[in-house]
Amino acid sequence: MWEICLGTLPNGEFRYYEELVHKFVNPVRVGAYVIAFVFLALHLLHGFNSAFQSIGANNKYTKGLKGFSKIYAIGIPLGFIFIALFHHFNH
């Protein structure tokens, strides 16, 4: 039962890992994936800034909150981009 939850097959192969490696062989697919996550980062940055402006967050905590939102909005997509590029160039 746990093999199904962990993504392994009964004979010990890692099915999802093999699929991930296979998907990131094609450079066109990797390029589209990276561009999509760059747009996601821009979208998140805009969303956080708009949300803070809408609620009127203009106090002493705003700078720290905006800094955290920038780290989050750029860091999450950057992590996914790293995974794609890592598997593409190490194949």
PDB file of N, CA and C in Angstrom:
ATOM      1  N   MET A   1       0.817  -1.194   0.000  1.00  0.00           N
ATOM      2  CA  MET A   1       0.000   0.000   0.000  1.00  0.00           C
ATOM      3  C   MET A   1       0.857   1.252   0.000  1.00  0.00           C
ATOM      4  N   TRP A   2       1.919   1.278   0.822  1.00  0.00           N
ATOM      5  CA  TRP A   2       2.760   2.464   0.901  1.00  0.00           C
ATOM      6  C   TRP A   2       3.518   2.710  -0.399  1.00  0.00           C
ATOM      7  N   GLU A   3       3.754   1.656  -1.168  1.00  0.00           N
ATOM      8  CA  GLU A   3       4.460   1.830  -2.426  1.00  0.00           C
ATOM      9  C   GLU A   3       3.676   2.736  -3.365  1.00  0.00           C
ATOM     10  N   ILE A   4       2.356   2.599  -3.345  1.00  0.00           N
ATOM     11  CA  ILE A   4       1.519   3.428  -4.205  1.00  0.00           C
ATOM     12  C   ILE A   4       1.581   4.879  -3.741  1.00  0.00           C
ATOM     13  N   CYS A   5       1.525   5.103  -2.438  1.00  0.00           N
ATOM     14  CA  CYS A   5       1.556   6.463  -1.887  1.00  0.00           C
ATOM     15  C   CYS A   5       2.893   7.140  -2.138  1.00  0.00           C
ATOM     16  N   LEU A   6       3.978   6.376  -2.098  1.00  0.00           N
ATOM     17  CA  LEU A   6       5.305   6.952  -2.292  1.00  0.00           C
ATOM     18  C   LEU A   6       5.676   7.092  -3.753  1.00  0.00           C
ATOM     19  N   GLY A   7       4.867   6.590  -4.659  1.00  0.00           N
ATOM     20  CA  GLY A   7       5.148   6.712  -6.080  1.00  0.00           C
ATOM     21  C   GLY A   7       6.096   5.662  -6.613  1.00  0.00           C
ATOM     22  N   THR A   8       6.286   4.571  -5.884  1.00  0.00           N
ATOM     23  CA  THR A   8       7.143   3.508  -6.374  1.00  0.00           C
ATOM     24  C   THR A   8       6.286   2.336  -6.816  1.00  0.00           C
ATOM     25  N   LEU A   9       6.809   1.599  -7.739  1.00  0.00           N
ATOM     26  CA  LEU A   9       6.128   0.401  -8.214  1.00  0.00           C
ATOM     27  C   LEU A   9       6.590  -0.794  -7.390  1.00  0.00           C
ATOM     28  N   PRO A  10       5.877  -1.901  -7.440  1.00  0.00           N
ATOM     29  CA  PRO A  10       6.248  -3.067  -6.629  1.00  0.00           C
ATOM     30  C   PRO A  10       7.675  -3.558  -6.832  1.00  0.00           C
ATOM     31  N   ASN A  11       8.227  -3.395  -8.026  1.00  0.00           N
ATOM     32  CA  ASN A  11       9.589  -3.879  -8.252  1.00  0.00           C
ATOM     33  C   ASN A  11      10.645  -2.837  -7.864  1.00  0.00           C
ATOM     34  N   GLY A  12      10.242  -1.727  -7.244  1.00  0.00           N
ATOM     35  CA  GLY A  12      11.184  -0.760  -6.706  1.00  0.00           C
ATOM     36  C   GLY A  12      11.519   0.405  -7.613  1.00  0.00           C
ATOM     37  N   GLU A  13      10.990   0.424  -8.810  1.00  0.00           N
ATOM     38  CA  GLU A  13      11.284   1.532  -9.711  1.00  0.00           C
ATOM     39  C   GLU A  13      10.516   2.786  -9.278  1.00  0.00           C
ATOM     40  N   PHE A  14      11.136   3.920  -9.486  1.00  0.00           N
ATOM     41  CA  PHE A  14      10.489   5.186  -9.190  1.00  0.00           C
ATOM     42  C   PHE A  14       9.815   5.705 -10.451  1.00  0.00           C
ATOM     43  N   ARG A  15       8.530   5.465 -10.567  1.00  0.00           N
ATOM     44  CA  ARG A  15       7.775   5.795 -11.770  1.00  0.00           C
ATOM     45  C   ARG A  15       7.755   7.298 -12.028  1.00  0.00           C
ATOM     46  N   TYR A  16       7.457   8.072 -11.017  1.00  0.00           N
ATOM     47  CA  TYR A  16       7.297   9.503 -11.222  1.00  0.00           C
ATOM     48  C   TYR A  16       8.623  10.183 -11.509  1.00  0.00           C
ATOM     49  N   TYR A  17       9.685   9.698 -10.941  1.00  0.00           N
ATOM     50  CA  TYR A  17      10.999  10.262 -11.229  1.00  0.00           C
ATOM     51  C   TYR A  17      11.365  10.028 -12.691  1.00  0.00           C
ATOM     52  N   GLU A  18      11.130   8.826 -13.172  1.00  0.00           N
ATOM     53  CA  GLU A  18      11.426   8.521 -14.572  1.00  0.00           C
ATOM     54  C   GLU A  18      10.583   9.381 -15.513  1.00  0.00           C
ATOM     55  N   GLU A  19       9.326   9.616 -15.160  1.00  0.00           N
ATOM     56  CA  GLU A  19       8.474  10.483 -15.972  1.00  0.00           C
ATOM     57  C   GLU A  19       8.997  11.907 -15.964  1.00  0.00           C
ATOM     58  N   LEU A  20       9.432  12.381 -14.813  1.00  0.00           N
ATOM     59  CA  LEU A  20       9.956  13.729 -14.702  1.00  0.00           C
ATOM     60  C   LEU A  20      11.197  13.894 -15.573  1.00  0.00           C
ATOM     61  N   VAL A  21      12.099  12.956 -15.501  1.00  0.00           N
ATOM     62  CA  VAL A  21      13.314  13.026 -16.303  1.00  0.00           C
ATOM     63  C   VAL A  21      12.972  12.981 -17.787  1.00  0.00           C
ATOM     64  N   HIS A  22      12.031  12.137 -18.157  1.00  0.00           N
ATOM     65  CA  HIS A  22      11.635  12.014 -19.559  1.00  0.00           C
ATOM     66  C   HIS A  22      10.987  13.304 -20.081  1.00  0.00           C
ATOM     67  N   LYS A  23      10.196  13.951 -19.278  1.00  0.00           N
ATOM     68  CA  LYS A  23       9.487  15.165 -19.707  1.00  0.00           C
ATOM     69  C   LYS A  23      10.449  16.318 -19.969  1.00  0.00           C
ATOM     70  N   PHE A  24      11.573  16.380 -19.262  1.00  0.00           N
ATOM     71  CA  PHE A  24      12.480  17.510 -19.385  1.00  0.00           C
ATOM     72  C   PHE A  24      13.652  17.245 -20.320  1.00  0.00           C
ATOM     73  N   VAL A  25      13.508  16.305 -21.233  1.00  0.00           N
ATOM     74  CA  VAL A  25      14.538  16.065 -22.244  1.00  0.00           C
ATOM     75  C   VAL A  25      14.388  17.053 -23.394  1.00  0.00           C
ATOM     76  N   ASN A  26      13.172  17.310 -23.810  1.00  0.00           N
ATOM     77  CA  ASN A  26      12.886  18.180 -24.943  1.00  0.00           C
ATOM     78  C   ASN A  26      13.162  19.643 -24.571  1.00  0.00           C
ATOM     79  N   PRO A  27      14.092  20.325 -25.280  1.00  0.00           N
ATOM     80  CA  PRO A  27      14.413  21.714 -24.924  1.00  0.00           C
ATOM     81  C   PRO A  27      13.260  22.686 -25.158  1.00  0.00           C
ATOM     82  N   VAL A  28      12.388  22.398 -26.104  1.00  0.00           N
ATOM     83  CA  VAL A  28      11.236  23.267 -26.342  1.00  0.00           C
ATOM     84  C   VAL A  28      10.293  23.213 -25.150  1.00  0.00           C
ATOM     85  N   ARG A  29      10.063  22.023 -24.639  1.00  0.00           N
ATOM     86  CA  ARG A  29       9.193  21.868 -23.474  1.00  0.00           C
ATOM     87  C   ARG A  29       9.796  22.551 -22.247  1.00  0.00           C
ATOM     88  N   VAL A  30      11.098  22.418 -22.070  1.00  0.00           N
ATOM     89  CA  VAL A  30      11.766  23.057 -20.932  1.00  0.00           C
ATOM     90  C   VAL A  30      11.686  24.572 -21.061  1.00  0.00           C
ATOM     91  N   GLY A  31      11.885  25.085 -22.270  1.00  0.00           N
ATOM     92  CA  GLY A  31      11.793  26.521 -22.495  1.00  0.00           C
ATOM     93  C   GLY A  31      10.409  27.060 -22.198  1.00  0.00           C
ATOM     94  N   ALA A  32       9.384  26.361 -22.662  1.00  0.00           N
ATOM     95  CA  ALA A  32       8.003  26.785 -22.389  1.00  0.00           C
ATOM     96  C   ALA A  32       7.707  26.723 -20.898  1.00  0.00           C
ATOM     97  N   TYR A  33       8.214  25.703 -20.232  1.00  0.00           N
ATOM     98  CA  TYR A  33       8.024  25.540 -18.790  1.00  0.00           C
ATOM     99  C   TYR A  33       8.671  26.697 -18.022  1.00  0.00           C
ATOM    100  N   VAL A  34       9.890  27.044 -18.408  1.00  0.00           N
ATOM    101  CA  VAL A  34      10.609  28.130 -17.742  1.00  0.00           C
ATOM    102  C   VAL A  34       9.900  29.458 -17.969  1.00  0.00           C
ATOM    103  N   ILE A  35       9.479  29.717 -19.190  1.00  0.00           N
ATOM    104  CA  ILE A  35       8.763  30.961 -19.495  1.00  0.00           C
ATOM    105  C   ILE A  35       7.463  31.036 -18.707  1.00  0.00           C
ATOM    106  N   ALA A  36       6.759  29.921 -18.605  1.00  0.00           N
ATOM    107  CA  ALA A  36       5.510  29.905 -17.845  1.00  0.00           C
ATOM    108  C   ALA A  36       5.756  30.254 -16.377  1.00  0.00           C
ATOM    109  N   PHE A  37       6.834  29.759 -15.802  1.00  0.00           N
ATOM    110  CA  PHE A  37       7.105  30.056 -14.403  1.00  0.00           C
ATOM    111  C   PHE A  37       7.647  31.469 -14.205  1.00  0.00           C
ATOM    112  N   VAL A  38       8.301  32.044 -15.209  1.00  0.00           N
ATOM    113  CA  VAL A  38       8.682  33.457 -15.133  1.00  0.00           C
ATOM    114  C   VAL A  38       7.419  34.315 -15.097  1.00  0.00           C
ATOM    115  N   PHE A  39       6.441  33.973 -15.949  1.00  0.00           N
ATOM    116  CA  PHE A  39       5.173  34.704 -15.927  1.00  0.00           C
ATOM    117  C   PHE A  39       4.426  34.505 -14.609  1.00  0.00           C
ATOM    118  N   LEU A  40       4.525  33.317 -14.032  1.00  0.00           N
ATOM    119  CA  LEU A  40       3.918  33.089 -12.727  1.00  0.00           C
ATOM    120  C   LEU A  40       4.555  33.981 -11.671  1.00  0.00           C
ATOM    121  N   ALA A  41       5.869  34.130 -11.708  1.00  0.00           N
ATOM    122  CA  ALA A  41       6.554  35.001 -10.751  1.00  0.00           C
ATOM    123  C   ALA A  41       6.088  36.446 -10.910  1.00  0.00           C
ATOM    124  N   LEU A  42       5.980  36.910 -12.146  1.00  0.00           N
ATOM    125  CA  LEU A  42       5.488  38.271 -12.378  1.00  0.00           C
ATOM    126  C   LEU A  42       4.056  38.434 -11.879  1.00  0.00           C
ATOM    127  N   HIS A  43       3.251  37.433 -12.112  1.00  0.00           N
ATOM    128  CA  HIS A  43       1.855  37.462 -11.668  1.00  0.00           C
ATOM    129  C   HIS A  43       1.770  37.520 -10.141  1.00  0.00           C
ATOM    130  N   LEU A  44       2.574  36.719  -9.471  1.00  0.00           N
ATOM    131  CA  LEU A  44       2.570  36.724  -8.010  1.00  0.00           C
ATOM    132  C   LEU A  44       3.075  38.057  -7.451  1.00  0.00           C
ATOM    133  N   LEU A  45       4.106  38.610  -8.049  1.00  0.00           N
ATOM    134  CA  LEU A  45       4.601  39.914  -7.608  1.00  0.00           C
ATOM    135  C   LEU A  45       3.521  40.979  -7.731  1.00  0.00           C
ATOM    136  N   HIS A  46       2.872  40.999  -8.869  1.00  0.00           N
ATOM    137  CA  HIS A  46       1.806  41.970  -9.080  1.00  0.00           C
ATOM    138  C   HIS A  46       0.647  41.737  -8.107  1.00  0.00           C
ATOM    139  N   GLY A  47       0.300  40.493  -7.907  1.00  0.00           N
ATOM    140  CA  GLY A  47      -0.800  40.164  -7.002  1.00  0.00           C
ATOM    141  C   GLY A  47      -0.532  40.586  -5.573  1.00  0.00           C
ATOM    142  N   PHE A  48       0.680  40.311  -5.081  1.00  0.00           N
ATOM    143  CA  PHE A  48       1.016  40.723  -3.722  1.00  0.00           C
ATOM    144  C   PHE A  48       1.011  42.243  -3.583  1.00  0.00           C
ATOM    145  N   ASN A  49       1.633  42.919  -4.551  1.00  0.00           N
ATOM    146  CA  ASN A  49       1.660  44.384  -4.482  1.00  0.00           C
ATOM    147  C   ASN A  49       0.265  44.980  -4.540  1.00  0.00           C
ATOM    148  N   SER A  50      -0.583  44.462  -5.393  1.00  0.00           N
ATOM    149  CA  SER A  50      -1.953  44.961  -5.498  1.00  0.00           C
ATOM    150  C   SER A  50      -2.748  44.674  -4.233  1.00  0.00           C
ATOM    151  N   ALA A  51      -2.552  43.506  -3.664  1.00  0.00           N
ATOM    152  CA  ALA A  51      -3.277  43.157  -2.445  1.00  0.00           C
ATOM    153  C   ALA A  51      -2.873  44.071  -1.288  1.00  0.00           C
ATOM    154  N   PHE A  52      -1.582  44.331  -1.147  1.00  0.00           N
ATOM    155  CA  PHE A  52      -1.133  45.207  -0.066  1.00  0.00           C
ATOM    156  C   PHE A  52      -1.615  46.641  -0.271  1.00  0.00           C
ATOM    157  N   GLN A  53      -1.639  47.075  -1.514  1.00  0.00           N
ATOM    158  CA  GLN A  53      -2.135  48.415  -1.800  1.00  0.00           C
ATOM    159  C   GLN A  53      -3.630  48.507  -1.516  1.00  0.00           C
ATOM    160  N   SER A  54      -4.362  47.452  -1.842  1.00  0.00           N
ATOM    161  CA  SER A  54      -5.814  47.459  -1.637  1.00  0.00           C
ATOM    162  C   SER A  54      -6.203  47.511  -0.161  1.00  0.00           C
ATOM    163  N   ILE A  55      -5.417  46.845   0.677  1.00  0.00           N
ATOM    164  CA  ILE A  55      -5.757  46.858   2.105  1.00  0.00           C
ATOM    165  C   ILE A  55      -5.122  48.032   2.829  1.00  0.00           C
ATOM    166  N   GLY A  56      -4.351  48.851   2.115  1.00  0.00           N
ATOM    167  CA  GLY A  56      -3.756  50.032   2.713  1.00  0.00           C
ATOM    168  C   GLY A  56      -2.628  49.735   3.663  1.00  0.00           C
ATOM    169  N   ALA A  57      -1.819  48.772   3.336  1.00  0.00           N
ATOM    170  CA  ALA A  57      -0.699  48.389   4.202  1.00  0.00           C
ATOM    171  C   ALA A  57       0.415  49.422   4.084  1.00  0.00           C
ATOM    172  N   ASN A  58       0.291  50.503   4.810  1.00  0.00           N
ATOM    173  CA  ASN A  58       1.299  51.569   4.814  1.00  0.00           C
ATOM    174  C   ASN A  58       1.736  51.855   6.247  1.00  0.00           C
ATOM    175  N   ASN A  59       2.376  50.873   6.856  1.00  0.00           N
ATOM    176  CA  ASN A  59       2.860  51.064   8.216  1.00  0.00           C
ATOM    177  C   ASN A  59       4.300  50.582   8.313  1.00  0.00           C
ATOM    178  N   LYS A  60       4.815  50.479   9.527  1.00  0.00           N
ATOM    179  CA  LYS A  60       6.223  50.103   9.693  1.00  0.00           C
ATOM    180  C   LYS A  60       6.520  48.662   9.292  1.00  0.00           C
ATOM    181  N   TYR A  61       5.490  47.816   9.159  1.00  0.00           N
ATOM    182  CA  TYR A  61       5.688  46.420   8.776  1.00  0.00           C
ATOM    183  C   TYR A  61       5.595  46.196   7.272  1.00  0.00           C
ATOM    184  N   THR A  62       5.240  47.211   6.538  1.00  0.00           N
ATOM    185  CA  THR A  62       5.026  47.067   5.098  1.00  0.00           C
ATOM    186  C   THR A  62       6.305  46.657   4.377  1.00  0.00           C
ATOM    187  N   LYS A  63       7.418  47.253   4.746  1.00  0.00           N
ATOM    188  CA  LYS A  63       8.680  46.946   4.070  1.00  0.00           C
ATOM    189  C   LYS A  63       9.044  45.464   4.242  1.00  0.00           C
ATOM    190  N   GLY A  64       8.914  44.950   5.444  1.00  0.00           N
ATOM    191  CA  GLY A  64       9.204  43.542   5.684  1.00  0.00           C
ATOM    192  C   GLY A  64       8.229  42.619   4.979  1.00  0.00           C
ATOM    193  N   LEU A  65       6.959  43.026   4.961  1.00  0.00           N
ATOM    194  CA  LEU A  65       5.934  42.225   4.292  1.00  0.00           C
ATOM    195  C   LEU A  65       6.162  42.185   2.786  1.00  0.00           C
ATOM    196  N   LYS A  66       6.521  43.326   2.213  1.00  0.00           N
ATOM    197  CA  LYS A  66       6.810  43.367   0.778  1.00  0.00           C
ATOM    198  C   LYS A  66       8.077  42.580   0.444  1.00  0.00           C
ATOM    199  N   GLY A  67       9.049  42.620   1.338  1.00  0.00           N
ATOM    200  CA  GLY A  67      10.264  41.832   1.126  1.00  0.00           C
ATOM    201  C   GLY A  67       9.975  40.342   1.137  1.00  0.00           C
ATOM    202  N   PHE A  68       9.153  39.915   2.098  1.00  0.00           N
ATOM    203  CA  PHE A  68       8.769  38.501   2.154  1.00  0.00           C
ATOM    204  C   PHE A  68       7.995  38.097   0.912  1.00  0.00           C
ATOM    205  N   SER A  69       7.102  38.964   0.444  1.00  0.00           N
ATOM    206  CA  SER A  69       6.307  38.630  -0.738  1.00  0.00           C
ATOM    207  C   SER A  69       7.183  38.529  -1.976  1.00  0.00           C
ATOM    208  N   LYS A  70       8.219  39.353  -2.080  1.00  0.00           N
ATOM    209  CA  LYS A  70       9.138  39.258  -3.218  1.00  0.00           C
ATOM    210  C   LYS A  70       9.924  37.954  -3.172  1.00  0.00           C
ATOM    211  N   ILE A  71      10.385  37.595  -1.983  1.00  0.00           N
ATOM    212  CA  ILE A  71      11.127  36.337  -1.837  1.00  0.00           C
ATOM    213  C   ILE A  71      10.236  35.153  -2.200  1.00  0.00           C
ATOM    214  N   TYR A  72       8.994  35.168  -1.736  1.00  0.00           N
ATOM    215  CA  TYR A  72       8.060  34.084  -2.019  1.00  0.00           C
ATOM    216  C   TYR A  72       7.710  34.043  -3.502  1.00  0.00           C
ATOM    217  N   ALA A  73       7.378  35.213  -4.070  1.00  0.00           N
ATOM    218  CA  ALA A  73       6.919  35.270  -5.462  1.00  0.00           C
ATOM    219  C   ALA A  73       8.017  34.897  -6.446  1.00  0.00           C
ATOM    220  N   ILE A  74       9.253  35.127  -6.086  1.00  0.00           N
ATOM    221  CA  ILE A  74      10.358  34.770  -6.976  1.00  0.00           C
ATOM    222  C   ILE A  74      10.926  33.409  -6.607  1.00  0.00           C
ATOM    223  N   GLY A  75      10.973  33.084  -5.328  1.00  0.00           N
ATOM    224  CA  GLY A  75      11.598  31.846  -4.867  1.00  0.00           C
ATOM    225  C   GLY A  75      10.880  30.582  -5.282  1.00  0.00           C
ATOM    226  N   ILE A  76       9.559  30.575  -5.181  1.00  0.00           N
ATOM    227  CA  ILE A  76       8.795  29.370  -5.540  1.00  0.00           C
ATOM    228  C   ILE A  76       8.940  29.041  -7.032  1.00  0.00           C
ATOM    229  N   PRO A  77       8.666  29.972  -7.940  1.00  0.00           N
ATOM    230  CA  PRO A  77       8.877  29.653  -9.357  1.00  0.00           C
ATOM    231  C   PRO A  77      10.336  29.335  -9.688  1.00  0.00           C
ATOM    232  N   LEU A  78      11.275  30.002  -9.017  1.00  0.00           N
ATOM    233  CA  LEU A  78      12.685  29.729  -9.267  1.00  0.00           C
ATOM    234  C   LEU A  78      13.050  28.291  -8.885  1.00  0.00           C
ATOM    235  N   GLY A  79      12.445  27.783  -7.835  1.00  0.00           N
ATOM    236  CA  GLY A  79      12.675  26.390  -7.456  1.00  0.00           C
ATOM    237  C   GLY A  79      12.194  25.412  -8.517  1.00  0.00           C
ATOM    238  N   PHE A  80      11.027  25.673  -9.075  1.00  0.00           N
ATOM    239  CA  PHE A  80      10.521  24.812 -10.146  1.00  0.00           C
ATOM    240  C   PHE A  80      11.367  24.935 -11.407  1.00  0.00           C
ATOM    241  N   ILE A  81      11.833  26.141 -11.712  1.00  0.00           N
ATOM    242  CA  ILE A  81      12.706  26.337 -12.871  1.00  0.00           C
ATOM    243  C   ILE A  81      14.012  25.580 -12.667  1.00  0.00           C
ATOM    244  N   PHE A  82      14.553  25.621 -11.460  1.00  0.00           N
ATOM    245  CA  PHE A  82      15.792  24.910 -11.164  1.00  0.00           C
ATOM    246  C   PHE A  82      15.643  23.411 -11.407  1.00  0.00           C
ATOM    247  N   ILE A  83      14.528  22.844 -10.973  1.00  0.00           N
ATOM    248  CA  ILE A  83      14.286  21.413 -11.166  1.00  0.00           C
ATOM    249  C   ILE A  83      14.280  21.069 -12.650  1.00  0.00           C
ATOM    250  N   ALA A  84      13.582  21.873 -13.449  1.00  0.00           N
ATOM    251  CA  ALA A  84      13.504  21.605 -14.890  1.00  0.00           C
ATOM    252  C   ALA A  84      14.869  21.710 -15.547  1.00  0.00           C
ATOM    253  N   LEU A  85      15.605  22.766 -15.244  1.00  0.00           N
ATOM    254  CA  LEU A  85      16.921  22.947 -15.861  1.00  0.00           C
ATOM    255  C   LEU A  85      17.925  21.907 -15.379  1.00  0.00           C
ATOM    256  N   PHE A  86      17.857  21.543 -14.122  1.00  0.00           N
ATOM    257  CA  PHE A  86      18.746  20.523 -13.581  1.00  0.00           C
ATOM    258  C   PHE A  86      18.568  19.205 -14.328  1.00  0.00           C
ATOM    259  N   HIS A  87      17.329  18.787 -14.490  1.00  0.00           N
ATOM    260  CA  HIS A  87      17.091  17.505 -15.164  1.00  0.00           C
ATOM    261  C   HIS A  87      17.344  17.589 -16.659  1.00  0.00           C
ATOM    262  N   HIS A  88      17.153  18.750 -17.241  1.00  0.00           N
ATOM    263  CA  HIS A  88      17.429  18.908 -18.675  1.00  0.00           C
ATOM    264  C   HIS A  88      18.916  18.807 -18.961  1.00  0.00           C
ATOM    265  N   PHE A  89      19.733  19.505 -18.179  1.00  0.00           N
ATOM    266  CA  PHE A  89      21.163  19.533 -18.445  1.00  0.00           C
ATOM    267  C   PHE A  89      21.905  18.320 -17.908  1.00  0.00           C
ATOM    268  N   ASN A  90      21.320  17.560 -17.018  1.00  0.00           N
ATOM    269  CA  ASN A  90      21.956  16.355 -16.484  1.00  0.00           C
ATOM    270  C   ASN A  90      21.443  15.079 -17.109  1.00  0.00           C
ATOM    271  N   HIS A  91      20.747  15.197 -18.193  1.00  0.00           N
ATOM    272  CA  HIS A  91      20.226  13.981 -18.849  1.00  0.00           C
ATOM    273  C   HIS A  91      21.249  13.383 -19.747  1.00  0.00           C
TER     274      HIS A  91
END
